[in-house]
Protein backbone atom coordinates (compact mmCIF):
# COMPACT_ATOMS: atom_id res chain seq x y z
CA UNK A 1 0.00 0.00 0.00
CA UNK A 2 1.53 3.32 -1.00
CA UNK A 3 0.52 6.34 1.00
CA UNK A 4 0.74 9.88 -0.23
CA UNK A 5 1.36 12.11 2.74
CA UNK A 6 0.57 15.75 2.33
CA UNK A 7 0.33 18.42 4.94
CA UNK A 8 -3.13 19.81 5.38
CA UNK A 9 -3.33 23.47 6.32
CA UNK A 10 -4.67 23.06 9.81
CA UNK A 11 -3.93 25.36 12.68
CA UNK A 12 -6.89 25.58 15.02
CA UNK A 13 -9.15 23.38 12.89
CA UNK A 14 -8.78 20.85 10.09
CA UNK A 15 -9.18 22.11 6.54
CA UNK A 16 -10.49 20.28 3.47
CA UNK A 17 -8.91 22.18 0.59
CA UNK A 18 -5.67 22.08 -1.35
CA UNK A 19 -2.33 23.81 -1.27
CA UNK A 20 -2.50 27.51 -2.04
CA UNK A 21 1.11 27.57 -3.21
CA UNK A 22 2.88 25.20 -5.60
CA UNK A 23 3.46 21.65 -4.46
CA UNK A 24 1.74 21.38 -1.11
CA UNK A 25 3.18 24.56 0.40
CA UNK A 26 1.22 27.33 2.11
CA UNK A 27 3.94 29.90 2.46
CA UNK A 28 1.82 33.07 2.61
CA UNK A 29 -1.12 33.25 4.98
CA UNK A 30 -1.63 36.93 5.84
CA UNK A 31 -4.00 39.30 4.04
CA UNK A 32 -1.40 42.08 3.98
CA UNK A 33 0.80 39.97 1.72
CA UNK A 34 -1.93 38.18 -0.24
CA UNK A 35 -3.33 41.47 -1.53
CA UNK A 36 0.09 42.37 -2.92
CA UNK A 37 0.33 39.10 -4.88
CA UNK A 38 2.61 37.56 -2.20
CA UNK A 39 5.23 40.10 -3.32
CA UNK A 40 5.81 41.81 0.04
CA UNK A 41 7.26 38.52 1.24
CA UNK A 42 10.50 38.81 3.17
CA UNK A 43 10.36 42.64 3.17
CA UNK A 44 7.62 42.46 5.81
CA UNK A 45 8.06 44.46 9.01
CA UNK A 46 6.73 44.30 12.57
CA UNK A 47 4.66 41.29 13.64
CA UNK A 48 4.20 40.12 10.04
CA UNK A 49 7.98 39.68 9.86
CA UNK A 50 7.79 37.18 12.74
CA UNK A 51 6.28 34.76 10.21
CA UNK A 52 8.03 35.82 6.96
CA UNK A 53 11.49 37.22 7.83
CA UNK A 54 12.56 37.80 11.46
CA UNK A 55 14.98 40.55 10.42
CA UNK A 56 12.03 42.87 9.71
CA UNK A 57 10.82 42.83 13.33
CA UNK A 58 13.31 45.59 14.19
CA UNK A 59 10.84 48.10 12.72
CA UNK A 60 9.18 47.97 16.14
CA UNK A 61 10.73 50.68 18.27
CA UNK A 62 8.85 50.47 21.56
CA UNK A 63 5.40 48.84 21.65
CA UNK A 64 4.74 45.14 21.02
CA UNK A 65 2.57 44.28 18.01
CA UNK A 66 0.35 41.28 17.34
CA UNK A 67 -1.88 40.17 14.51
CA UNK A 68 -4.64 37.68 13.84
CA UNK A 69 -5.40 36.44 10.33
CA UNK A 70 -7.80 34.07 8.62
CA UNK A 71 -8.05 32.98 4.98
CA UNK A 72 -11.03 31.22 3.42
CA UNK A 73 -9.79 29.01 0.58
CA UNK A 74 -12.04 27.45 -2.04
CA UNK A 75 -10.67 24.77 -4.37
CA UNK A 76 -12.62 23.27 -7.24
CA UNK A 77 -10.98 20.03 -8.42
CA UNK A 78 -12.86 17.80 -10.85
CA UNK A 79 -11.31 14.85 -12.63
CA UNK A 80 -12.17 13.95 -16.22
CA UNK A 81 -11.21 10.26 -16.48
CA UNK A 82 -9.73 8.76 -19.61
CA UNK A 83 -8.87 5.23 -18.44
CA UNK A 84 -8.06 3.21 -15.33
CA UNK A 85 -6.44 -0.24 -15.38
CA UNK A 86 -4.76 -2.75 -13.08
CA UNK A 87 -2.55 -5.84 -13.35
CA UNK A 88 -0.31 -8.06 -11.23
CA UNK A 89 3.44 -7.77 -11.69
CA UNK A 90 5.47 -10.93 -11.04
CA UNK A 91 8.66 -9.98 -9.15
CA UNK A 92 10.43 -13.15 -10.21
CA UNK A 93 9.87 -12.88 -13.97
CA UNK A 94 9.13 -9.18 -14.43
CA UNK A 95 6.05 -10.12 -16.42
CA UNK A 96 2.39 -9.14 -16.23
CA UNK A 97 0.35 -11.93 -14.64
CA UNK A 98 1.25 -14.67 -12.15
CA UNK A 99 0.35 -18.25 -11.22
CA UNK A 100 -1.50 -18.16 -7.93
CA UNK A 101 -0.24 -20.21 -4.97
CA UNK A 102 -3.57 -21.90 -4.16
CA UNK A 103 -5.35 -23.05 -7.31
CA UNK A 104 -2.36 -22.91 -9.63
CA UNK A 105 -4.29 -20.82 -12.13
CA UNK A 106 -2.97 -17.83 -14.09
CA UNK A 107 -4.26 -14.49 -12.83
CA UNK A 108 -3.27 -10.84 -12.92
CA UNK A 109 -3.94 -9.98 -16.56
CA UNK A 110 -4.56 -6.33 -17.49
CA UNK A 111 -8.11 -5.27 -16.59
CA UNK A 112 -10.19 -2.12 -16.62
CA UNK A 113 -10.97 -0.76 -13.15
CA UNK A 114 -13.98 1.41 -14.00
CA UNK A 115 -15.74 3.87 -11.74
CA UNK A 116 -16.98 7.46 -11.48
CA UNK A 117 -15.10 10.75 -11.90
CA UNK A 118 -14.82 11.12 -8.12
CA UNK A 119 -17.05 14.18 -7.82
CA UNK A 120 -15.82 17.50 -6.49
CA UNK A 121 -12.63 16.44 -4.69
CA UNK A 122 -11.69 19.89 -3.44
CA UNK A 123 -13.60 21.96 -0.92
CA UNK A 124 -13.58 25.03 1.30
CA UNK A 125 -11.54 25.55 4.41
CA UNK A 126 -10.43 28.18 6.91
CA UNK A 127 -6.74 28.84 7.45
CA UNK A 128 -6.04 30.82 10.65
CA UNK A 129 -2.68 32.28 11.71
CA UNK A 130 -1.27 34.43 14.49
CA UNK A 131 1.98 36.39 14.88
CA UNK A 132 3.46 38.76 17.46
CA UNK A 133 6.66 40.69 18.07
CA UNK A 134 7.97 42.71 21.01
CA UNK A 135 11.15 44.70 21.77
CA UNK A 136 13.25 43.02 24.46
CA UNK A 137 16.29 45.33 24.55
CA UNK A 138 17.74 48.21 22.54
CA UNK A 139 18.11 46.97 18.94
CA UNK A 140 16.69 43.52 19.82
CA UNK A 141 13.17 42.24 19.06
CA UNK A 142 11.67 38.80 19.78
CA UNK A 143 8.82 37.22 17.89
CA UNK A 144 6.51 34.24 17.72
CA UNK A 145 4.21 33.03 14.94
CA UNK A 146 1.89 30.05 14.66
CA UNK A 147 1.08 29.14 11.06
CA UNK A 148 0.39 26.18 8.75
CA UNK A 149 3.22 26.23 6.20
CA UNK A 150 2.07 23.21 4.17
CA UNK A 151 -1.32 21.89 3.19
CA UNK A 152 -3.25 19.71 0.82
CA UNK A 153 -6.42 17.64 1.09
CA UNK A 154 -8.67 15.80 -1.31
CA UNK A 155 -11.74 13.62 -0.81
CA UNK A 156 -12.99 11.42 -3.67
CA UNK A 157 -16.12 9.30 -3.94
CA UNK A 158 -15.61 5.68 -2.88
CA UNK A 159 -16.23 4.24 -6.35
CA UNK A 160 -14.14 6.62 -8.43
CA UNK A 161 -11.70 5.38 -11.10
CA UNK A 162 -8.59 6.24 -9.04
CA UNK A 163 -9.81 4.78 -5.74
CA UNK A 164 -6.87 2.35 -5.53
CA UNK A 165 -4.49 5.30 -5.66
CA UNK A 166 -6.32 7.73 -3.33
CA UNK A 167 -9.61 8.15 -1.50
CA UNK A 168 -9.23 10.70 1.27
CA UNK A 169 -6.12 12.62 2.27
CA UNK A 170 -6.21 14.82 5.32
CA UNK A 171 -3.34 16.13 7.43
CA UNK A 172 -2.65 19.07 9.70
CA UNK A 173 0.71 20.83 9.95
CA UNK A 174 1.35 23.48 12.60
CA UNK A 175 4.57 25.50 12.70
CA UNK A 176 5.59 27.03 16.04
CA UNK A 177 8.15 29.66 15.07
CA UNK A 178 9.99 31.60 17.83
CA UNK A 179 12.47 34.14 16.46
CA UNK A 180 14.88 36.93 17.33
CA UNK A 181 16.09 40.01 15.39
CA UNK A 182 19.02 42.41 15.79
CA UNK A 183 19.39 45.91 14.33
CA UNK A 184 23.06 46.38 13.41
CA UNK A 185 22.47 50.00 12.31
CA UNK A 186 19.87 52.05 10.46
CA UNK A 187 20.53 50.12 7.26
CA UNK A 188 21.19 46.52 8.25
CA UNK A 189 19.17 44.07 10.36
CA UNK A 190 19.42 40.31 10.85
CA UNK A 191 17.14 37.63 12.25
CA UNK A 192 16.89 33.92 12.97
CA UNK A 193 14.10 31.55 13.92
CA UNK A 194 13.32 27.96 14.85
CA UNK A 195 10.67 26.01 12.94
CA UNK A 196 9.01 23.29 15.02
CA UNK A 197 6.49 21.57 12.73
CA UNK A 198 3.89 19.17 14.14
CA UNK A 199 2.07 17.02 11.57
CA UNK A 200 -1.01 14.81 12.00
CA UNK A 201 -2.17 12.61 9.12
CA UNK A 202 -4.93 10.28 8.07
CA UNK A 203 -4.69 8.95 4.52
CA UNK A 204 -6.75 6.21 2.90
CA UNK A 205 -7.31 4.41 -0.37
CA UNK A 206 -9.23 1.38 -1.54
CA UNK A 207 -7.70 -2.11 -1.83
CA UNK A 208 -8.56 -4.34 -4.77
CA UNK A 209 -9.48 -8.05 -4.48
CA UNK A 210 -10.70 -8.84 -8.00
CA UNK A 211 -8.00 -11.45 -8.61
CA UNK A 212 -8.58 -13.12 -5.25
CA UNK A 213 -12.29 -13.24 -6.08
CA UNK A 214 -11.45 -15.07 -9.34
CA UNK A 215 -9.38 -17.67 -7.50
CA UNK A 216 -11.99 -18.18 -4.78
CA UNK A 217 -14.70 -18.53 -7.44
CA UNK A 218 -12.69 -21.23 -9.25
CA UNK A 219 -12.06 -23.17 -6.04
CA UNK A 220 -15.70 -22.96 -4.96
CA UNK A 221 -17.14 -23.40 -8.46
CA UNK A 222 -19.28 -20.36 -7.84
CA UNK A 223 -19.22 -16.67 -8.68
CA UNK A 224 -17.65 -14.52 -5.97
CA UNK A 225 -18.53 -10.80 -6.09
CA UNK A 226 -15.71 -8.27 -6.39
CA UNK A 227 -15.60 -6.06 -3.29
CA UNK A 228 -13.15 -3.33 -2.28
CA UNK A 229 -11.27 -3.23 0.98
CA UNK A 230 -9.62 -0.17 2.47
CA UNK A 231 -6.17 0.76 3.78
CA UNK A 232 -5.71 3.69 6.15
CA UNK A 233 -2.58 5.28 7.58
CA UNK A 234 -2.78 7.42 10.72
CA UNK A 235 0.32 9.10 12.06
CA UNK A 236 1.73 12.14 13.82
CA UNK A 237 5.13 13.54 14.63
CA UNK A 238 7.52 16.51 14.77
CA UNK A 239 10.28 17.90 12.60
CA UNK A 240 12.65 20.81 13.21
CA UNK A 241 14.49 23.39 11.13
CA UNK A 242 15.79 26.96 11.16
CA UNK A 243 15.56 30.13 9.09
CA UNK A 244 17.95 33.05 8.68
CA UNK A 245 16.97 36.48 7.39
CA UNK A 246 18.46 39.83 6.45
CA UNK A 247 17.09 43.24 5.46
CA UNK A 248 19.08 46.10 3.94
CA UNK A 249 17.75 49.66 3.57
CA UNK A 250 20.02 51.71 1.28
CA UNK A 251 17.57 54.64 1.39
CA UNK A 252 14.45 55.40 3.47
CA UNK A 253 12.29 54.48 0.43
CA UNK A 254 13.95 51.23 -0.61
CA UNK A 255 14.65 47.90 1.01
CA UNK A 256 16.10 44.49 0.11
CA UNK A 257 15.14 41.36 2.02
CA UNK A 258 16.55 37.84 1.94
CA UNK A 259 15.50 34.77 3.91
CA UNK A 260 16.63 31.14 3.82
CA UNK A 261 14.63 28.32 5.39
CA UNK A 262 16.17 24.96 6.02
CA UNK A 263 14.67 21.64 5.03
CA UNK A 264 12.58 19.83 7.64
CA UNK A 265 11.88 16.10 7.86
CA UNK A 266 9.03 15.28 10.26
CA UNK A 267 8.88 11.63 11.31
CA UNK A 268 5.32 10.36 11.56
CA UNK A 269 4.52 7.29 13.63
CA UNK A 270 1.16 5.62 13.96
CA UNK A 271 -1.00 2.78 12.65
CA UNK A 272 -1.58 1.15 9.28
CA UNK A 273 -4.98 -0.53 9.08
CA UNK A 274 -6.18 -2.86 6.33
CA UNK A 275 -9.90 -3.59 6.26
CA UNK A 276 -10.82 -6.82 4.46
CA UNK A 277 -14.42 -7.36 3.30
CA UNK A 278 -16.01 -9.84 5.78
CA UNK A 279 -17.14 -12.09 2.92
CA UNK A 280 -13.55 -12.63 1.83
CA UNK A 281 -12.45 -13.39 5.39
CA UNK A 282 -15.15 -16.05 5.62
CA UNK A 283 -14.28 -17.57 2.24
CA UNK A 284 -10.56 -17.69 3.07
CA UNK A 285 -11.31 -19.39 6.39
CA UNK A 286 -13.38 -22.01 4.58
CA UNK A 287 -10.36 -22.72 2.37
CA UNK A 288 -8.09 -23.07 5.38
CA UNK A 289 -6.45 -19.68 4.83
CA UNK A 290 -6.13 -16.49 6.87
CA UNK A 291 -7.26 -13.24 5.29
CA UNK A 292 -8.44 -10.86 8.00
CA UNK A 293 -8.43 -7.17 8.80
CA UNK A 294 -5.37 -6.08 10.76
CA UNK A 295 -3.61 -3.10 12.29
CA UNK A 296 0.18 -2.73 12.27
CA UNK A 297 2.64 -0.10 13.42
CA UNK A 298 3.84 2.25 10.67
CA UNK A 299 6.12 5.24 10.22
CA UNK A 300 7.02 7.66 7.45
CA UNK A 301 9.48 10.49 6.99
CA UNK A 302 8.22 13.44 4.96
CA UNK A 303 10.99 15.39 3.20
CA UNK A 304 9.87 19.02 3.32
CA UNK A 305 11.92 21.41 1.17
CA UNK A 306 14.34 24.21 1.92
CA UNK A 307 13.68 27.59 0.27
CA UNK A 308 15.43 30.84 -0.58
CA UNK A 309 13.54 34.11 -1.14
CA UNK A 310 14.63 37.62 -2.21
CA UNK A 311 12.39 40.69 -2.12
CA UNK A 312 12.70 44.34 -3.12
CA UNK A 313 10.54 47.26 -2.01
CA UNK A 314 10.66 50.72 -3.60
CA UNK A 315 8.68 53.75 -2.51
CA UNK A 316 7.62 56.26 -5.21
CA UNK A 317 5.62 58.94 -3.45
CA UNK A 318 2.12 57.64 -2.73
CA UNK A 319 2.91 54.35 -4.51
CA UNK A 320 5.09 51.51 -3.24
CA UNK A 321 6.25 48.71 -5.53
CA UNK A 322 7.15 45.19 -4.40
CA UNK A 323 8.88 42.28 -6.08
CA UNK A 324 9.74 38.78 -4.81
CA UNK A 325 11.53 35.75 -6.20
CA UNK A 326 11.44 32.46 -4.30
CA UNK A 327 12.99 29.11 -5.13
CA UNK A 328 11.69 26.08 -3.25
CA UNK A 329 13.97 23.05 -3.33
CA UNK A 330 11.34 20.38 -3.87
CA UNK A 331 13.86 18.06 -5.55
CA UNK A 332 14.62 16.49 -2.14
CA UNK A 333 11.04 15.14 -2.24
CA UNK A 334 12.20 12.26 -4.43
CA UNK A 335 10.15 9.55 -2.76
CA UNK A 336 7.78 8.79 0.06
CA UNK A 337 8.80 5.68 1.99
CA UNK A 338 6.34 4.03 4.36
CA UNK A 339 7.70 1.47 6.80
CA UNK A 340 5.11 -1.03 8.06
CA UNK A 341 5.91 -3.77 10.58
CA UNK A 342 6.17 -7.25 9.02
CA UNK A 343 5.73 -5.83 5.51
CA UNK A 344 8.29 -4.67 2.89
CA UNK A 345 8.78 -0.90 2.64
CA UNK A 346 6.13 0.78 0.54
CA UNK A 347 7.92 3.30 -1.69
CA UNK A 348 6.19 5.88 -3.84
CA UNK A 349 8.51 7.57 -6.34
CA UNK A 350 7.94 11.33 -6.69
CA UNK A 351 10.96 12.83 -8.52
CA UNK A 352 9.74 16.40 -7.98
CA UNK A 353 11.85 19.28 -9.21
CA UNK A 354 12.83 22.62 -7.67
CA UNK A 355 10.16 25.26 -8.31
CA UNK A 356 10.25 29.04 -8.80
CA UNK A 357 7.79 31.78 -7.89
CA UNK A 358 7.85 35.33 -9.31
CA UNK A 359 5.62 38.00 -7.76
CA UNK A 360 5.05 41.75 -8.23
CA UNK A 361 2.74 44.00 -6.28
CA UNK A 362 1.81 47.64 -5.82
CA UNK A 363 0.27 49.67 -3.01
CA UNK A 364 -1.31 53.07 -3.56
CA UNK A 365 -1.86 55.16 -0.43
CA UNK A 366 -5.17 56.86 -1.14
CA UNK A 367 -5.18 58.68 2.21
CA UNK A 368 -3.60 58.44 5.64
CA UNK A 369 -6.17 55.80 6.55
CA UNK A 370 -6.67 53.86 3.32
CA UNK A 371 -4.31 52.04 0.95
CA UNK A 372 -5.24 49.99 -2.15
CA UNK A 373 -3.25 46.86 -3.06
CA UNK A 374 -2.87 44.67 -6.16
CA UNK A 375 -0.52 41.91 -7.30
CA UNK A 376 0.40 39.30 -9.90
CA UNK A 377 2.22 36.00 -9.21
CA UNK A 378 3.58 33.24 -11.45
CA UNK A 379 3.92 30.04 -9.46
CA UNK A 380 5.50 26.95 -11.06
CA UNK A 381 4.55 23.45 -9.95
CA UNK A 382 7.31 21.07 -8.80
CA UNK A 383 5.49 18.12 -10.41
CA UNK A 384 7.65 17.33 -13.47
CA UNK A 385 5.06 15.53 -15.61
CA UNK A 386 1.72 13.71 -15.71
CA UNK A 387 3.61 10.53 -14.79
CA UNK A 388 4.30 11.91 -11.29
CA UNK A 389 1.08 13.86 -10.68
CA UNK A 390 -0.60 11.93 -7.88
CA UNK A 391 -4.40 12.42 -7.83
CA UNK A 392 -4.38 13.38 -4.16
CA UNK A 393 -2.25 16.47 -5.02
CA UNK A 394 -3.58 17.70 -8.38
CA UNK A 395 -0.98 20.46 -8.53
CA UNK A 396 -0.35 22.55 -11.66
CA UNK A 397 1.25 25.82 -12.74
CA UNK A 398 -0.82 28.78 -11.59
CA UNK A 399 -1.08 32.53 -12.12
CA UNK A 400 -2.40 34.51 -9.15
CA UNK A 401 -4.33 37.78 -9.56
CA UNK A 402 -4.88 39.57 -6.25
CA UNK A 403 -6.30 42.77 -4.83
CA UNK A 404 -7.02 44.20 -1.41
CA UNK A 405 -7.14 47.20 0.87
CA UNK A 406 -5.49 48.32 4.08
CA UNK A 407 -7.43 50.51 6.52
CA UNK A 408 -5.83 52.20 9.50
CA UNK A 409 -8.47 52.71 12.17
CA UNK A 410 -8.39 55.60 14.59
CA UNK A 411 -6.69 54.08 17.62
CA UNK A 412 -7.96 50.52 17.07
CA UNK A 413 -5.24 49.13 14.85
CA UNK A 414 -5.07 48.17 11.17
CA UNK A 415 -7.32 45.92 9.08
CA UNK A 416 -6.33 44.22 5.81
CA UNK A 417 -8.81 42.53 3.48
CA UNK A 418 -7.69 40.71 0.32
CA UNK A 419 -9.03 38.55 -2.49
CA UNK A 420 -6.99 36.22 -4.71
CA UNK A 421 -7.84 34.08 -7.73
CA UNK A 422 -5.55 31.45 -9.24
CA UNK A 423 -5.81 30.64 -12.92
CA UNK A 424 -4.51 27.07 -12.99
CA UNK A 425 -3.43 24.94 -15.91
CA UNK A 426 -5.11 21.59 -16.41
CA UNK A 427 -3.55 18.89 -14.29
CA UNK A 428 -2.79 16.02 -16.68
CA UNK A 429 -2.58 12.65 -14.87
CA UNK A 430 -0.93 9.50 -16.23
CA UNK A 431 -0.04 7.97 -12.88
CA UNK A 432 0.94 4.36 -12.15
CA UNK A 433 0.83 3.29 -8.52
CA UNK A 434 3.54 0.64 -8.26
CA UNK A 435 3.85 0.25 -4.49
CA UNK A 436 0.79 -1.91 -3.78
CA UNK A 437 2.59 -4.89 -2.29
CA UNK A 438 0.68 -8.20 -2.12
CA UNK A 439 3.35 -10.31 -0.40
CA UNK A 440 1.32 -10.41 2.83
CA UNK A 441 -1.68 -12.06 1.14
CA UNK A 442 -1.83 -15.88 0.73
CA UNK A 443 -2.73 -16.12 -2.95
CA UNK A 444 0.38 -14.82 -4.72
CA UNK A 445 3.70 -13.04 -4.21
CA UNK A 446 3.41 -10.03 -6.50
CA UNK A 447 2.94 -6.30 -6.79
CA UNK A 448 -0.32 -4.93 -8.09
CA UNK A 449 -0.04 -1.92 -10.38
CA UNK A 450 -2.81 0.61 -10.97
CA UNK A 451 -2.74 3.18 -13.74
CA UNK A 452 -5.13 6.11 -13.93
CA UNK A 453 -5.28 8.62 -16.81
CA UNK A 454 -7.24 11.82 -17.19
CA UNK A 455 -7.25 15.56 -16.53
CA UNK A 456 -8.04 17.71 -13.52
CA UNK A 457 -9.97 20.94 -14.05
CA UNK A 458 -8.73 23.21 -11.27
CA UNK A 459 -9.82 26.58 -9.89
CA UNK A 460 -8.87 28.28 -6.63
CA UNK A 461 -10.04 31.41 -4.83
CA UNK A 462 -9.02 32.95 -1.53
CA UNK A 463 -10.59 35.62 0.73
CA UNK A 464 -8.42 36.82 3.60
CA UNK A 465 -8.71 39.21 6.55
CA UNK A 466 -6.08 40.36 9.02
CA UNK A 467 -6.07 42.57 12.12
CA UNK A 468 -2.95 44.26 13.57
CA UNK A 469 -2.62 46.28 16.72
CA UNK A 470 -0.01 47.44 19.24
CA UNK A 471 -0.31 47.43 23.01
């Protein structure tokens, strides 16, 4: 059983949507940055910098600042199936089809799977976040943010064509990020932070018994219906990393920001449950065999990427321009390896590539209280081809168009409201799941391969609000 582990954007509640950045990243979660097309990025200041670039916290001179944010994300993901097939792969001969161990009959030939399109596999979800920063000494500022830096979730109908590759994927990832910043002088500041990421996962997919049903039918001289089982992985664990940031202000109206985040590898431990249809358990028992539902210990390491981001901010009177480039080193996500007690490792090959994001934004200060924001972002997917696009993460290149406003209340703080729409390319799928290991079943010693082909029609929208205040 191969298990695709993705981090669901969950902070104070679970979310049922998909990643708002390429891959399964959720790097930007605050309305102040979303409205600018994610272009403010590592040039953020004050409490926002506690999440994006600790070096920017030195903008606070005396009073602490905190912010609360929430983003409502809506993903539409519908699959248009082309074909779905399965076969058994004999490890000894490298051929399609095997001779079963019980009846001695050939099985495992290529067959159509069939099923529905899976329905609307996306959904809506709320992504909350909080950040704060406070001066602790002259030229020193401490910060803390709680965010969900990665997220993806999909939920397909039970009888869909790709059910043996994915049914439901749901995981929460919370990043506790304490940080510190130092002002070297009026031009240079530096910061560092610790990323403590807690992940909780529950991932499931159907298990196929059509070949076992054929064998049982031959032995019993009767037709045995084909029923699906289910395999579910539940796990949780921690991973740790660091980030280093810098900001340089050559003039009062311009600023350069740089931040590097290290890779993190959370280790998830939990249970792997296989549910066998009761009819098959009864039939196997009648044949003197054991084929029963079971729960085993399992663990998985998720290779989250490092990233490097550079941002520029330039003031031009009432208008401020922003630009950001970020490279996320997804190429370390080469595979997902699931270790299950008493079962060979289940390995899912990914072969993702490093991905780039380019963003520009502009803010026009209409008055002392009101500013208008807009942005444009080009976000490349790390998925290299349809061959490696797993249905549970229907990721594709996207272009973000964003807008928003910033309103400074009279003594009550600042409010940001933003809207973003992602124009996404079609997600072509030609995926073969090769990690469905059947060595722990009594009928044959083989791998079962499933191939699903089709296209995802994808659309994503985001509405965000943020409140800042000092105290």
